[in-house]
């Protein structure tokens, strides 16, 4: 079932300009002003994804405000153009899952053929939402030590969370879904809501993960614990939004094999004393992923596979 679920994710990863739900997509918004602080209406705002070259164009309203919605997590450039002003470019904006990133722009008087480029600035502060949340990015997911490569264990890095025991003995290393039973703000684990790219990922009985994606296929995930938007009204605990990687204009992939074998382990002191051998144990986790363009700048693919094999035997004396 675990492998079948991963194959389902692989199929879902093949998309052309995917229409992600608001739960996973982000927003870039802000105001455009002249040097005196006055609003600039009808300025053209172009938001471009640097990985796929996909762009969206909007115009500012009479108050000089704009909002570009339904953006997949990734790196973006924001350009603003208006006759009588130099072109403005803010490069390298890292947009996270379900983030509302504010990019306010002050235009300079000049020719539109001139460009004012901003490559660094103050960190983007979340001022448009009061929710308490934490985003775990791909680097943290793949480099932090995880038992059986289960990303759900990282939920406990968020304030107000702790590992749960509501499922008793089913929370084991051989049951990756069971490891997702986390208590948030004192609420039982069945009060949490899990989503993959905006779709429900809740097991019907215990309300834990149904599909446990490979950590190499996760772009990032966001754990919201309080004050999140009413659109996430399904549960009162954590709202976990998982964003799966997508293809870009460049081919990227990875292959891996993680091995545990009792033949490589040293026996314990008391086992040696009483002549007990190490119980046989073999565990393999293997797989890989690949993403890239089908039609450059238009259509992309991403596919991943992970296999898990665990063999144990009873202790023999």
C-alpha atoms as a PDB file:
ATOM      1  CA  UNK A   1       0.000   0.000   0.000  1.00  0.00           C
ATOM      2  CA  UNK A   2       2.886   2.346   0.843  1.00  0.00           C
ATOM      3  CA  UNK A   3       4.490   1.866  -2.592  1.00  0.00           C
ATOM      4  CA  UNK A   4       1.120   2.239  -4.348  1.00  0.00           C
ATOM      5  CA  UNK A   5       0.548   5.536  -2.570  1.00  0.00           C
ATOM      6  CA  UNK A   6       3.935   6.817  -3.732  1.00  0.00           C
ATOM      7  CA  UNK A   7       3.087   5.897  -7.312  1.00  0.00           C
ATOM      8  CA  UNK A   8      -0.141   7.887  -7.010  1.00  0.00           C
ATOM      9  CA  UNK A   9       1.912  10.903  -5.941  1.00  0.00           C
ATOM     10  CA  UNK A  10       4.158  10.416  -8.952  1.00  0.00           C
ATOM     11  CA  UNK A  11       1.177  10.622 -11.311  1.00  0.00           C
ATOM     12  CA  UNK A  12      -0.118  13.713  -9.549  1.00  0.00           C
ATOM     13  CA  UNK A  13       3.294  15.325  -9.971  1.00  0.00           C
ATOM     14  CA  UNK A  14       2.929  15.453 -13.778  1.00  0.00           C
ATOM     15  CA  UNK A  15       1.254  18.760 -14.521  1.00  0.00           C
ATOM     16  CA  UNK A  16       1.218  21.772 -16.779  1.00  0.00           C
ATOM     17  CA  UNK A  17       0.811  25.025 -14.877  1.00  0.00           C
ATOM     18  CA  UNK A  18      -0.855  23.145 -11.994  1.00  0.00           C
ATOM     19  CA  UNK A  19      -3.907  24.734 -10.352  1.00  0.00           C
ATOM     20  CA  UNK A  20      -2.918  24.338  -6.719  1.00  0.00           C
ATOM     21  CA  UNK A  21      -5.566  24.971  -4.106  1.00  0.00           C
ATOM     22  CA  UNK A  22      -5.333  28.111  -2.013  1.00  0.00           C
ATOM     23  CA  UNK A  23      -4.279  25.908   0.910  1.00  0.00           C
ATOM     24  CA  UNK A  24      -0.861  25.278  -0.647  1.00  0.00           C
ATOM     25  CA  UNK A  25      -0.304  28.169  -3.037  1.00  0.00           C
ATOM     26  CA  UNK A  26       1.199  31.475  -1.984  1.00  0.00           C
ATOM     27  CA  UNK A  27       0.505  35.137  -2.672  1.00  0.00           C
ATOM     28  CA  UNK A  28       2.747  38.107  -3.459  1.00  0.00           C
ATOM     29  CA  UNK A  29       1.098  41.429  -2.663  1.00  0.00           C
ATOM     30  CA  UNK A  30       1.971  45.011  -1.865  1.00  0.00           C
ATOM     31  CA  UNK A  31       1.638  48.674  -2.835  1.00  0.00           C
ATOM     32  CA  UNK A  32       3.293  50.731  -5.564  1.00  0.00           C
ATOM     33  CA  UNK A  33       4.103  54.358  -4.718  1.00  0.00           C
ATOM     34  CA  UNK A  34       5.949  57.324  -6.204  1.00  0.00           C
ATOM     35  CA  UNK A  35       8.900  58.983  -4.392  1.00  0.00           C
ATOM     36  CA  UNK A  36       6.517  61.252  -2.450  1.00  0.00           C
ATOM     37  CA  UNK A  37       4.482  58.306  -1.151  1.00  0.00           C
ATOM     38  CA  UNK A  38       1.540  58.755  -3.484  1.00  0.00           C
ATOM     39  CA  UNK A  39      -0.245  55.732  -4.900  1.00  0.00           C
ATOM     40  CA  UNK A  40       0.453  54.782  -8.521  1.00  0.00           C
ATOM     41  CA  UNK A  41      -2.655  53.246 -10.149  1.00  0.00           C
ATOM     42  CA  UNK A  42      -2.569  51.065 -13.280  1.00  0.00           C
ATOM     43  CA  UNK A  43       1.090  50.127 -12.833  1.00  0.00           C
ATOM     44  CA  UNK A  44       1.909  46.784 -14.471  1.00  0.00           C
ATOM     45  CA  UNK A  45       3.193  44.174 -12.013  1.00  0.00           C
ATOM     46  CA  UNK A  46       4.837  41.053 -13.455  1.00  0.00           C
ATOM     47  CA  UNK A  47       5.623  38.115 -11.151  1.00  0.00           C
ATOM     48  CA  UNK A  48       7.873  35.442 -12.703  1.00  0.00           C
ATOM     49  CA  UNK A  49       8.880  32.004 -11.436  1.00  0.00           C
ATOM     50  CA  UNK A  50      12.634  31.731 -12.023  1.00  0.00           C
ATOM     51  CA  UNK A  51      12.525  27.932 -12.232  1.00  0.00           C
ATOM     52  CA  UNK A  52       9.772  27.544 -14.828  1.00  0.00           C
ATOM     53  CA  UNK A  53       9.719  31.024 -16.463  1.00  0.00           C
ATOM     54  CA  UNK A  54       5.959  31.092 -15.859  1.00  0.00           C
ATOM     55  CA  UNK A  55       4.707  34.617 -15.171  1.00  0.00           C
ATOM     56  CA  UNK A  56       1.540  36.384 -14.054  1.00  0.00           C
ATOM     57  CA  UNK A  57       0.669  40.005 -14.807  1.00  0.00           C
ATOM     58  CA  UNK A  58      -1.710  42.256 -12.864  1.00  0.00           C
ATOM     59  CA  UNK A  59      -2.326  46.010 -12.572  1.00  0.00           C
ATOM     60  CA  UNK A  60      -2.470  48.092  -9.415  1.00  0.00           C
ATOM     61  CA  UNK A  61      -5.845  49.503  -8.376  1.00  0.00           C
ATOM     62  CA  UNK A  62      -6.698  53.122  -7.602  1.00  0.00           C
ATOM     63  CA  UNK A  63      -4.987  52.763  -4.206  1.00  0.00           C
ATOM     64  CA  UNK A  64      -1.807  51.448  -5.795  1.00  0.00           C
ATOM     65  CA  UNK A  65      -2.235  47.960  -4.331  1.00  0.00           C
ATOM     66  CA  UNK A  66      -1.817  44.626  -6.107  1.00  0.00           C
ATOM     67  CA  UNK A  67      -2.046  40.920  -5.297  1.00  0.00           C
ATOM     68  CA  UNK A  68      -0.842  37.955  -7.344  1.00  0.00           C
ATOM     69  CA  UNK A  69      -2.420  34.759  -6.046  1.00  0.00           C
ATOM     70  CA  UNK A  70      -2.183  30.991  -6.608  1.00  0.00           C
ATOM     71  CA  UNK A  71       1.605  30.864  -6.859  1.00  0.00           C
ATOM     72  CA  UNK A  72       3.353  27.554  -6.245  1.00  0.00           C
ATOM     73  CA  UNK A  73       6.197  27.671  -3.689  1.00  0.00           C
ATOM     74  CA  UNK A  74       9.484  28.646  -5.284  1.00  0.00           C
ATOM     75  CA  UNK A  75      11.721  31.577  -6.202  1.00  0.00           C
ATOM     76  CA  UNK A  76      10.194  34.617  -7.910  1.00  0.00           C
ATOM     77  CA  UNK A  77      11.135  37.957  -9.464  1.00  0.00           C
ATOM     78  CA  UNK A  78       8.778  40.946  -9.217  1.00  0.00           C
ATOM     79  CA  UNK A  79       8.922  43.635 -11.907  1.00  0.00           C
ATOM     80  CA  UNK A  80       6.866  46.857 -11.973  1.00  0.00           C
ATOM     81  CA  UNK A  81       6.446  49.123 -15.006  1.00  0.00           C
ATOM     82  CA  UNK A  82       4.705  52.480 -15.423  1.00  0.00           C
ATOM     83  CA  UNK A  83       5.168  55.261 -17.989  1.00  0.00           C
ATOM     84  CA  UNK A  84       7.235  58.113 -16.540  1.00  0.00           C
ATOM     85  CA  UNK A  85       9.047  55.856 -14.061  1.00  0.00           C
ATOM     86  CA  UNK A  86      12.093  53.622 -14.229  1.00  0.00           C
ATOM     87  CA  UNK A  87      11.351  49.905 -14.330  1.00  0.00           C
ATOM     88  CA  UNK A  88      11.577  48.278 -10.875  1.00  0.00           C
ATOM     89  CA  UNK A  89      12.857  44.718 -10.385  1.00  0.00           C
ATOM     90  CA  UNK A  90      13.012  42.803  -7.099  1.00  0.00           C
ATOM     91  CA  UNK A  91      14.837  39.521  -7.680  1.00  0.00           C
ATOM     92  CA  UNK A  92      15.163  36.334  -5.664  1.00  0.00           C
ATOM     93  CA  UNK A  93      12.003  36.237  -3.555  1.00  0.00           C
ATOM     94  CA  UNK A  94      11.628  32.808  -1.926  1.00  0.00           C
ATOM     95  CA  UNK A  95       7.887  32.180  -1.601  1.00  0.00           C
ATOM     96  CA  UNK A  96       6.917  29.490   0.900  1.00  0.00           C
ATOM     97  CA  UNK A  97       3.826  27.315   1.049  1.00  0.00           C
ATOM     98  CA  UNK A  98       0.664  29.317   1.881  1.00  0.00           C
ATOM     99  CA  UNK A  99       2.757  32.461   2.429  1.00  0.00           C
ATOM    100  CA  UNK A 100       1.504  35.994   1.851  1.00  0.00           C
ATOM    101  CA  UNK A 101       4.725  37.791   0.938  1.00  0.00           C
ATOM    102  CA  UNK A 102       4.519  41.585   0.945  1.00  0.00           C
ATOM    103  CA  UNK A 103       6.674  43.385  -1.615  1.00  0.00           C
ATOM    104  CA  UNK A 104       6.101  47.162  -1.459  1.00  0.00           C
ATOM    105  CA  UNK A 105       7.608  49.195  -4.284  1.00  0.00           C
ATOM    106  CA  UNK A 106       8.760  52.810  -4.497  1.00  0.00           C
ATOM    107  CA  UNK A 107       9.190  53.872  -8.123  1.00  0.00           C
ATOM    108  CA  UNK A 108      11.787  56.366  -9.299  1.00  0.00           C
ATOM    109  CA  UNK A 109      11.055  59.024 -11.894  1.00  0.00           C
ATOM    110  CA  UNK A 110      12.797  58.188 -15.158  1.00  0.00           C
ATOM    111  CA  UNK A 111      12.569  56.278 -18.398  1.00  0.00           C
ATOM    112  CA  UNK A 112      10.908  52.874 -18.523  1.00  0.00           C
ATOM    113  CA  UNK A 113      14.018  51.702 -20.405  1.00  0.00           C
ATOM    114  CA  UNK A 114      16.002  52.156 -17.198  1.00  0.00           C
ATOM    115  CA  UNK A 115      15.807  49.447 -14.539  1.00  0.00           C
ATOM    116  CA  UNK A 116      16.210  49.783 -10.796  1.00  0.00           C
ATOM    117  CA  UNK A 117      17.090  46.293  -9.569  1.00  0.00           C
ATOM    118  CA  UNK A 118      16.876  45.274  -5.920  1.00  0.00           C
ATOM    119  CA  UNK A 119      18.594  41.991  -5.147  1.00  0.00           C
ATOM    120  CA  UNK A 120      18.480  42.162  -1.351  1.00  0.00           C
ATOM    121  CA  UNK A 121      16.467  43.861   1.314  1.00  0.00           C
ATOM    122  CA  UNK A 122      14.760  43.443   4.643  1.00  0.00           C
ATOM    123  CA  UNK A 123      13.429  39.927   5.309  1.00  0.00           C
ATOM    124  CA  UNK A 124       9.839  39.430   4.198  1.00  0.00           C
ATOM    125  CA  UNK A 125       7.765  39.723   7.370  1.00  0.00           C
ATOM    126  CA  UNK A 126       4.330  38.154   7.667  1.00  0.00           C
ATOM    127  CA  UNK A 127       2.152  41.196   8.415  1.00  0.00           C
ATOM    128  CA  UNK A 128      -1.023  40.078   6.652  1.00  0.00           C
ATOM    129  CA  UNK A 129      -1.878  37.141   8.917  1.00  0.00           C
ATOM    130  CA  UNK A 130      -1.869  36.460  12.665  1.00  0.00           C
ATOM    131  CA  UNK A 131      -1.486  32.689  12.401  1.00  0.00           C
ATOM    132  CA  UNK A 132       1.153  30.808  14.387  1.00  0.00           C
ATOM    133  CA  UNK A 133       3.017  28.572  11.962  1.00  0.00           C
ATOM    134  CA  UNK A 134       6.392  27.160  11.008  1.00  0.00           C
ATOM    135  CA  UNK A 135       7.680  26.100   7.603  1.00  0.00           C
ATOM    136  CA  UNK A 136      10.121  23.179   7.349  1.00  0.00           C
ATOM    137  CA  UNK A 137      12.039  23.428   4.071  1.00  0.00           C
ATOM    138  CA  UNK A 138      13.548  20.731   1.849  1.00  0.00           C
ATOM    139  CA  UNK A 139      17.082  21.111   3.236  1.00  0.00           C
ATOM    140  CA  UNK A 140      15.893  20.601   6.815  1.00  0.00           C
ATOM    141  CA  UNK A 141      13.715  17.637   5.799  1.00  0.00           C
ATOM    142  CA  UNK A 142      16.536  15.778   4.056  1.00  0.00           C
ATOM    143  CA  UNK A 143      19.434  16.612   6.414  1.00  0.00           C
ATOM    144  CA  UNK A 144      17.892  16.234   9.881  1.00  0.00           C
ATOM    145  CA  UNK A 145      18.060  12.642  11.237  1.00  0.00           C
ATOM    146  CA  UNK A 146      14.748  10.834  10.773  1.00  0.00           C
ATOM    147  CA  UNK A 147      13.769   7.300  11.707  1.00  0.00           C
ATOM    148  CA  UNK A 148      12.644   5.463   8.536  1.00  0.00           C
ATOM    149  CA  UNK A 149      12.843   8.821   6.687  1.00  0.00           C
ATOM    150  CA  UNK A 150       9.494  10.008   8.034  1.00  0.00           C
ATOM    151  CA  UNK A 151       9.004  13.780   7.748  1.00  0.00           C
ATOM    152  CA  UNK A 152       6.081  13.735  10.220  1.00  0.00           C
ATOM    153  CA  UNK A 153       8.535  13.451  13.118  1.00  0.00           C
ATOM    154  CA  UNK A 154       9.584  17.051  12.392  1.00  0.00           C
ATOM    155  CA  UNK A 155       6.201  18.336  13.561  1.00  0.00           C
ATOM    156  CA  UNK A 156       7.586  18.273  17.090  1.00  0.00           C
ATOM    157  CA  UNK A 157       9.972  21.119  16.159  1.00  0.00           C
ATOM    158  CA  UNK A 158       6.934  23.425  16.309  1.00  0.00           C
ATOM    159  CA  UNK A 159       5.965  25.120  19.562  1.00  0.00           C
ATOM    160  CA  UNK A 160       3.094  23.435  21.400  1.00  0.00           C
ATOM    161  CA  UNK A 161       3.585  19.949  19.926  1.00  0.00           C
ATOM    162  CA  UNK A 162       4.643  16.617  21.371  1.00  0.00           C
ATOM    163  CA  UNK A 163       4.662  12.982  20.185  1.00  0.00           C
ATOM    164  CA  UNK A 164       1.344  11.291  20.783  1.00  0.00           C
ATOM    165  CA  UNK A 165       0.489   7.831  22.094  1.00  0.00           C
ATOM    166  CA  UNK A 166      -3.154   7.690  21.088  1.00  0.00           C
ATOM    167  CA  UNK A 167      -2.502   4.737  18.777  1.00  0.00           C
ATOM    168  CA  UNK A 168      -0.560   2.712  21.317  1.00  0.00           C
ATOM    169  CA  UNK A 169       1.734   0.037  19.952  1.00  0.00           C
ATOM    170  CA  UNK A 170       0.934   0.941  16.332  1.00  0.00           C
ATOM    171  CA  UNK A 171       3.357   3.898  16.614  1.00  0.00           C
ATOM    172  CA  UNK A 172       6.483   2.025  15.530  1.00  0.00           C
ATOM    173  CA  UNK A 173       9.298   2.472  13.055  1.00  0.00           C
ATOM    174  CA  UNK A 174       7.622  -0.055  10.760  1.00  0.00           C
ATOM    175  CA  UNK A 175       4.423   1.996  10.675  1.00  0.00           C
ATOM    176  CA  UNK A 176       5.374   5.377   9.157  1.00  0.00           C
ATOM    177  CA  UNK A 177       1.792   6.613   9.198  1.00  0.00           C
ATOM    178  CA  UNK A 178       1.523   5.892  12.920  1.00  0.00           C
ATOM    179  CA  UNK A 179       4.414   8.249  13.589  1.00  0.00           C
ATOM    180  CA  UNK A 180       2.204  11.132  12.439  1.00  0.00           C
ATOM    181  CA  UNK A 181       0.097  10.886  15.610  1.00  0.00           C
ATOM    182  CA  UNK A 182       1.204  14.193  17.183  1.00  0.00           C
ATOM    183  CA  UNK A 183      -0.475  16.110  19.993  1.00  0.00           C
ATOM    184  CA  UNK A 184      -0.827  19.837  19.291  1.00  0.00           C
ATOM    185  CA  UNK A 185      -1.762  22.377  21.968  1.00  0.00           C
ATOM    186  CA  UNK A 186      -3.068  19.545  24.135  1.00  0.00           C
ATOM    187  CA  UNK A 187      -5.497  18.261  21.513  1.00  0.00           C
ATOM    188  CA  UNK A 188      -5.401  14.574  20.478  1.00  0.00           C
ATOM    189  CA  UNK A 189      -3.761  13.584  17.208  1.00  0.00           C
ATOM    190  CA  UNK A 190      -7.111  13.031  15.487  1.00  0.00           C
ATOM    191  CA  UNK A 191      -7.667  16.804  15.706  1.00  0.00           C
ATOM    192  CA  UNK A 192      -4.967  17.455  13.102  1.00  0.00           C
ATOM    193  CA  UNK A 193      -5.583  18.081   9.409  1.00  0.00           C
ATOM    194  CA  UNK A 194      -3.155  16.800   6.750  1.00  0.00           C
ATOM    195  CA  UNK A 195      -3.096  18.089   3.172  1.00  0.00           C
ATOM    196  CA  UNK A 196      -0.931  17.351   0.132  1.00  0.00           C
ATOM    197  CA  UNK A 197      -0.991  20.135  -2.452  1.00  0.00           C
ATOM    198  CA  UNK A 198      -4.372  21.220  -1.099  1.00  0.00           C
ATOM    199  CA  UNK A 199      -5.956  17.748  -1.120  1.00  0.00           C
ATOM    200  CA  UNK A 200      -7.007  15.910   2.031  1.00  0.00           C
ATOM    201  CA  UNK A 201      -4.473  13.325   3.231  1.00  0.00           C
ATOM    202  CA  UNK A 202      -6.364  12.145   6.326  1.00  0.00           C
ATOM    203  CA  UNK A 203      -6.858   8.473   7.166  1.00  0.00           C
ATOM    204  CA  UNK A 204     -10.536   7.985   7.904  1.00  0.00           C
ATOM    205  CA  UNK A 205     -10.369   6.177  11.275  1.00  0.00           C
ATOM    206  CA  UNK A 206      -7.334   7.505  13.176  1.00  0.00           C
ATOM    207  CA  UNK A 207      -7.073  10.773  11.187  1.00  0.00           C
ATOM    208  CA  UNK A 208      -3.346  10.272  10.580  1.00  0.00           C
ATOM    209  CA  UNK A 209      -1.467  10.371   7.281  1.00  0.00           C
ATOM    210  CA  UNK A 210      -2.918   8.310   4.441  1.00  0.00           C
ATOM    211  CA  UNK A 211      -0.098   8.931   1.948  1.00  0.00           C
ATOM    212  CA  UNK A 212       3.341   9.342   3.469  1.00  0.00           C
ATOM    213  CA  UNK A 213       5.438  10.970   0.701  1.00  0.00           C
ATOM    214  CA  UNK A 214       9.139  10.347   0.312  1.00  0.00           C
ATOM    215  CA  UNK A 215      11.129  13.133   1.959  1.00  0.00           C
ATOM    216  CA  UNK A 216      13.095  13.659  -1.280  1.00  0.00           C
ATOM    217  CA  UNK A 217       9.810  14.478  -3.035  1.00  0.00           C
ATOM    218  CA  UNK A 218       8.710  17.168  -0.549  1.00  0.00           C
ATOM    219  CA  UNK A 219       9.412  20.798  -1.407  1.00  0.00           C
ATOM    220  CA  UNK A 220       8.461  21.938   2.101  1.00  0.00           C
ATOM    221  CA  UNK A 221       5.629  21.698   4.571  1.00  0.00           C
ATOM    222  CA  UNK A 222       3.936  24.177   6.870  1.00  0.00           C
ATOM    223  CA  UNK A 223       2.613  23.449  10.359  1.00  0.00           C
ATOM    224  CA  UNK A 224      -0.057  25.930  11.483  1.00  0.00           C
ATOM    225  CA  UNK A 225      -1.049  25.558  15.126  1.00  0.00           C
ATOM    226  CA  UNK A 226      -3.374  28.504  15.832  1.00  0.00           C
ATOM    227  CA  UNK A 227      -5.111  31.533  14.302  1.00  0.00           C
ATOM    228  CA  UNK A 228      -5.038  30.046  10.822  1.00  0.00           C
ATOM    229  CA  UNK A 229      -7.571  31.002   8.172  1.00  0.00           C
ATOM    230  CA  UNK A 230     -11.185  29.780   8.281  1.00  0.00           C
ATOM    231  CA  UNK A 231     -10.597  27.870   5.032  1.00  0.00           C
ATOM    232  CA  UNK A 232      -8.853  25.260   7.211  1.00  0.00           C
ATOM    233  CA  UNK A 233     -11.878  24.714   9.425  1.00  0.00           C
ATOM    234  CA  UNK A 234     -11.781  20.929   9.386  1.00  0.00           C
ATOM    235  CA  UNK A 235      -9.849  20.422  12.644  1.00  0.00           C
ATOM    236  CA  UNK A 236      -8.789  22.284  15.773  1.00  0.00           C
ATOM    237  CA  UNK A 237      -5.242  20.959  16.101  1.00  0.00           C
ATOM    238  CA  UNK A 238      -2.448  21.473  13.608  1.00  0.00           C
ATOM    239  CA  UNK A 239      -3.064  22.157   9.955  1.00  0.00           C
ATOM    240  CA  UNK A 240      -0.201  20.540   8.021  1.00  0.00           C
ATOM    241  CA  UNK A 241       0.188  21.615   4.387  1.00  0.00           C
ATOM    242  CA  UNK A 242       2.620  19.504   2.358  1.00  0.00           C
ATOM    243  CA  UNK A 243       3.952  20.851  -0.921  1.00  0.00           C
ATOM    244  CA  UNK A 244       5.332  18.292  -3.392  1.00  0.00           C
ATOM    245  CA  UNK A 245       8.199  19.257  -5.681  1.00  0.00           C
ATOM    246  CA  UNK A 246       7.469  20.063  -9.315  1.00  0.00           C
ATOM    247  CA  UNK A 247       9.563  20.029 -12.447  1.00  0.00           C
ATOM    248  CA  UNK A 248      11.460  23.048 -13.776  1.00  0.00           C
ATOM    249  CA  UNK A 249      13.289  23.988 -16.954  1.00  0.00           C
ATOM    250  CA  UNK A 250      16.308  22.014 -15.735  1.00  0.00           C
ATOM    251  CA  UNK A 251      16.534  18.283 -15.121  1.00  0.00           C
ATOM    252  CA  UNK A 252      17.134  17.387 -11.486  1.00  0.00           C
ATOM    253  CA  UNK A 253      17.130  13.993  -9.808  1.00  0.00           C
ATOM    254  CA  UNK A 254      18.468  11.935  -6.950  1.00  0.00           C
ATOM    255  CA  UNK A 255      18.977   8.252  -6.127  1.00  0.00           C
ATOM    256  CA  UNK A 256      19.444   6.747  -2.678  1.00  0.00           C
ATOM    257  CA  UNK A 257      19.846   3.558  -0.656  1.00  0.00           C
ATOM    258  CA  UNK A 258      19.783   3.389   3.137  1.00  0.00           C
ATOM    259  CA  UNK A 259      20.851   0.087   4.684  1.00  0.00           C
ATOM    260  CA  UNK A 260      20.615  -1.351   8.170  1.00  0.00           C
ATOM    261  CA  UNK A 261      21.947  -4.865   8.696  1.00  0.00           C
ATOM    262  CA  UNK A 262      22.605  -6.777  11.900  1.00  0.00           C
ATOM    263  CA  UNK A 263      25.750  -8.228  10.287  1.00  0.00           C
ATOM    264  CA  UNK A 264      27.294  -4.782  10.653  1.00  0.00           C
ATOM    265  CA  UNK A 265      26.337  -4.400  14.322  1.00  0.00           C
ATOM    266  CA  UNK A 266      28.383  -5.256  17.393  1.00  0.00           C
ATOM    267  CA  UNK A 267      26.817  -7.567  19.949  1.00  0.00           C
ATOM    268  CA  UNK A 268      26.001  -6.306  23.428  1.00  0.00           C
ATOM    269  CA  UNK A 269      28.026  -7.113  26.524  1.00  0.00           C
ATOM    270  CA  UNK A 270      25.376  -9.289  28.187  1.00  0.00           C
ATOM    271  CA  UNK A 271      24.519 -11.047  24.916  1.00  0.00           C
ATOM    272  CA  UNK A 272      28.162 -12.067  24.612  1.00  0.00           C
ATOM    273  CA  UNK A 273      28.279 -13.088  28.253  1.00  0.00           C
ATOM    274  CA  UNK A 274      25.365 -15.476  27.921  1.00  0.00           C
ATOM    275  CA  UNK A 275      26.123 -16.626  24.380  1.00  0.00           C
ATOM    276  CA  UNK A 276      23.183 -14.880  22.701  1.00  0.00           C
ATOM    277  CA  UNK A 277      23.567 -13.923  19.084  1.00  0.00           C
ATOM    278  CA  UNK A 278      22.280 -10.685  17.562  1.00  0.00           C
ATOM    279  CA  UNK A 279      18.722 -11.171  16.255  1.00  0.00           C
ATOM    280  CA  UNK A 280      18.759 -11.065  12.439  1.00  0.00           C
ATOM    281  CA  UNK A 281      17.632  -7.697  11.122  1.00  0.00           C
ATOM    282  CA  UNK A 282      17.789  -6.268   7.604  1.00  0.00           C
ATOM    283  CA  UNK A 283      16.218  -2.997   6.480  1.00  0.00           C
ATOM    284  CA  UNK A 284      16.490  -1.260   3.112  1.00  0.00           C
ATOM    285  CA  UNK A 285      15.047   2.036   1.931  1.00  0.00           C
ATOM    286  CA  UNK A 286      15.799   2.831  -1.671  1.00  0.00           C
ATOM    287  CA  UNK A 287      14.500   4.855  -4.567  1.00  0.00           C
ATOM    288  CA  UNK A 288      14.918   8.119  -6.406  1.00  0.00           C
ATOM    289  CA  UNK A 289      13.193  10.951  -8.200  1.00  0.00           C
ATOM    290  CA  UNK A 290      13.487  12.946 -11.404  1.00  0.00           C
ATOM    291  CA  UNK A 291      11.967  16.204 -12.570  1.00  0.00           C
ATOM    292  CA  UNK A 292      12.350  18.381 -15.625  1.00  0.00           C
ATOM    293  CA  UNK A 293      10.689  19.931 -18.666  1.00  0.00           C
ATOM    294  CA  UNK A 294       8.415  18.207 -21.163  1.00  0.00           C
ATOM    295  CA  UNK A 295       7.918  21.412 -23.138  1.00  0.00           C
ATOM    296  CA  UNK A 296      10.288  24.119 -21.925  1.00  0.00           C
ATOM    297  CA  UNK A 297       8.572  27.063 -20.187  1.00  0.00           C
ATOM    298  CA  UNK A 298       5.198  25.303 -20.487  1.00  0.00           C
ATOM    299  CA  UNK A 299       4.915  21.704 -19.312  1.00  0.00           C
ATOM    300  CA  UNK A 300       6.911  19.932 -16.586  1.00  0.00           C
ATOM    301  CA  UNK A 301       7.036  16.582 -14.839  1.00  0.00           C
ATOM    302  CA  UNK A 302       8.179  15.223 -11.494  1.00  0.00           C
ATOM    303  CA  UNK A 303       8.126  11.572 -10.420  1.00  0.00           C
ATOM    304  CA  UNK A 304       9.483   9.782  -7.376  1.00  0.00           C
ATOM    305  CA  UNK A 305       9.641   6.256  -5.979  1.00  0.00           C
ATOM    306  CA  UNK A 306      10.653   4.876  -2.601  1.00  0.00           C
ATOM    307  CA  UNK A 307      10.757   1.228  -1.556  1.00  0.00           C
ATOM    308  CA  UNK A 308      10.904  -0.046   2.027  1.00  0.00           C
ATOM    309  CA  UNK A 309      11.903  -3.569   3.043  1.00  0.00           C
ATOM    310  CA  UNK A 310      12.285  -4.735   6.644  1.00  0.00           C
ATOM    311  CA  UNK A 311      13.118  -8.334   7.641  1.00  0.00           C
ATOM    312  CA  UNK A 312      13.390  -9.467  11.243  1.00  0.00           C
ATOM    313  CA  UNK A 313      13.436 -12.783  13.063  1.00  0.00           C
ATOM    314  CA  UNK A 314      12.819 -13.970  16.602  1.00  0.00           C
ATOM    315  CA  UNK A 315      15.748 -14.071  18.957  1.00  0.00           C
ATOM    316  CA  UNK A 316      17.449 -17.464  19.087  1.00  0.00           C
ATOM    317  CA  UNK A 317      19.449 -18.710  22.048  1.00  0.00           C
END
